[in-house]
Amino acid sequence: MKVELTIIISTIGVCASIYFGLSGFRRNQKSDDQKQASETTGIQIDLKNINNGVNEIKAEMRSIRDENKESRERLILVEASAKQAHKRIDDIVQTKGGE
């Protein structure tokens, strides 16, 4: 009878240990899952912010490219105008006395 009681107490002790061990594991697993979800959310937010920054930079670069194109076109017109002005000045110089 003593042996049977010892076996019953041992079995109850083992079952209780398994139960508390699994309870602690589940609690830790939930905590780990929450931490991982929080970290993942933070990373996703950071990636969205980086994406927005890249899109802003792209838009700025397009704007700068357009301004640069306009400046080149204006420069070409100014150079053509200056070339015509030099030609007229040369013509005037030649008609005034050939200096």
Protein backbone atom coordinates (compact mmCIF):
# COMPACT_ATOMS: atom_id res chain seq x y z
CA MET A 1 0.00 0.00 0.00
CA LYS A 2 2.86 2.33 0.75
CA VAL A 3 4.33 1.58 -2.63
CA GLU A 4 1.03 2.32 -4.32
CA LEU A 5 0.75 5.65 -2.49
CA THR A 6 4.29 6.54 -3.47
CA ILE A 7 3.54 5.71 -7.10
CA ILE A 8 0.34 7.83 -7.02
CA ILE A 9 2.14 10.80 -5.43
CA SER A 10 4.99 10.47 -7.92
CA THR A 11 2.55 10.31 -10.82
CA ILE A 12 0.69 13.40 -9.56
CA GLY A 13 4.02 15.21 -9.15
CA VAL A 14 5.12 14.33 -12.67
CA CYS A 15 1.74 15.41 -14.11
CA ALA A 16 1.88 18.70 -12.19
CA SER A 17 5.43 19.33 -13.42
CA ILE A 18 4.39 18.67 -17.00
CA TYR A 19 1.34 20.93 -16.63
CA PHE A 20 3.28 23.84 -15.14
CA GLY A 21 6.09 23.38 -17.64
CA LEU A 22 3.66 23.54 -20.57
CA SER A 23 1.86 26.54 -19.01
CA GLY A 24 5.13 28.42 -18.70
CA PHE A 25 6.11 27.47 -22.24
CA ARG A 26 2.79 28.76 -23.61
CA ARG A 27 3.10 32.00 -21.66
CA ASN A 28 6.64 32.53 -22.94
CA GLN A 29 5.56 31.63 -26.47
CA LYS A 30 2.76 34.24 -26.37
CA SER A 31 5.20 36.83 -25.06
CA ASP A 32 7.71 35.96 -27.78
CA ASP A 33 4.99 36.13 -30.44
CA GLN A 34 3.93 39.58 -29.22
CA LYS A 35 7.51 40.83 -29.26
CA GLN A 36 8.05 39.46 -32.75
CA ALA A 37 4.81 41.03 -34.00
CA SER A 38 5.83 44.36 -32.49
CA GLU A 39 9.27 44.18 -34.10
CA THR A 40 7.78 43.19 -37.46
CA THR A 41 5.35 46.10 -37.31
CA GLY A 42 8.20 48.47 -36.51
CA ILE A 43 10.21 47.17 -39.45
CA GLN A 44 7.23 47.54 -41.78
CA ILE A 45 6.72 51.14 -40.66
CA ASP A 46 10.41 51.88 -41.18
CA LEU A 47 10.26 50.36 -44.68
CA LYS A 48 7.21 52.47 -45.55
CA ASN A 49 9.03 55.60 -44.35
CA ILE A 50 12.08 54.68 -46.42
CA ASN A 51 9.86 54.05 -49.44
CA ASN A 52 8.20 57.45 -49.00
CA GLY A 53 11.62 59.09 -48.75
CA VAL A 54 12.81 57.36 -51.92
CA ASN A 55 9.66 58.46 -53.75
CA GLU A 56 10.23 62.05 -52.63
CA ILE A 57 13.83 61.91 -53.84
CA LYS A 58 12.69 60.53 -57.20
CA ALA A 59 10.15 63.34 -57.59
CA GLU A 60 12.82 65.90 -56.69
CA MET A 61 15.23 64.37 -59.19
CA ARG A 62 12.58 64.57 -61.94
CA SER A 63 12.03 68.21 -61.11
CA ILE A 64 15.77 68.94 -61.18
CA ARG A 65 16.10 67.06 -64.48
CA ASP A 66 13.28 69.14 -65.99
CA GLU A 67 14.83 72.38 -64.75
CA ASN A 68 18.21 71.32 -66.14
CA LYS A 69 16.62 70.55 -69.51
CA GLU A 70 14.96 73.98 -69.57
CA SER A 71 18.27 75.64 -68.68
CA ARG A 72 20.08 73.79 -71.50
CA GLU A 73 17.42 74.85 -73.98
CA ARG A 74 17.66 78.48 -72.85
CA LEU A 75 21.46 78.35 -73.04
CA ILE A 76 21.29 77.09 -76.62
CA LEU A 77 19.00 79.99 -77.53
CA VAL A 78 21.29 82.51 -75.81
CA GLU A 79 24.34 81.10 -77.61
CA ALA A 80 22.53 81.33 -80.96
CA SER A 81 21.50 84.88 -80.18
CA ALA A 82 25.06 85.82 -79.15
CA LYS A 83 26.42 84.28 -82.36
CA GLN A 84 24.00 86.38 -84.42
CA ALA A 85 24.92 89.49 -82.42
CA HIS A 86 28.64 88.89 -83.02
CA LYS A 87 27.99 88.48 -86.72
CA ARG A 88 26.06 91.77 -86.82
CA ILE A 89 28.78 93.51 -84.83
CA ASP A 90 31.40 92.17 -87.27
CA ASP A 91 29.30 93.45 -90.19
CA ILE A 92 28.99 96.89 -88.58
CA VAL A 93 32.73 97.02 -87.88
CA GLN A 94 33.52 96.12 -91.49
CA THR A 95 31.16 98.79 -92.88
CA LYS A 96 32.51 101.47 -90.51
CA GLY A 97 36.08 101.13 -91.49
CA GLY A 98 37.34 97.66 -91.19
CA GLU A 99 38.80 97.76 -87.73
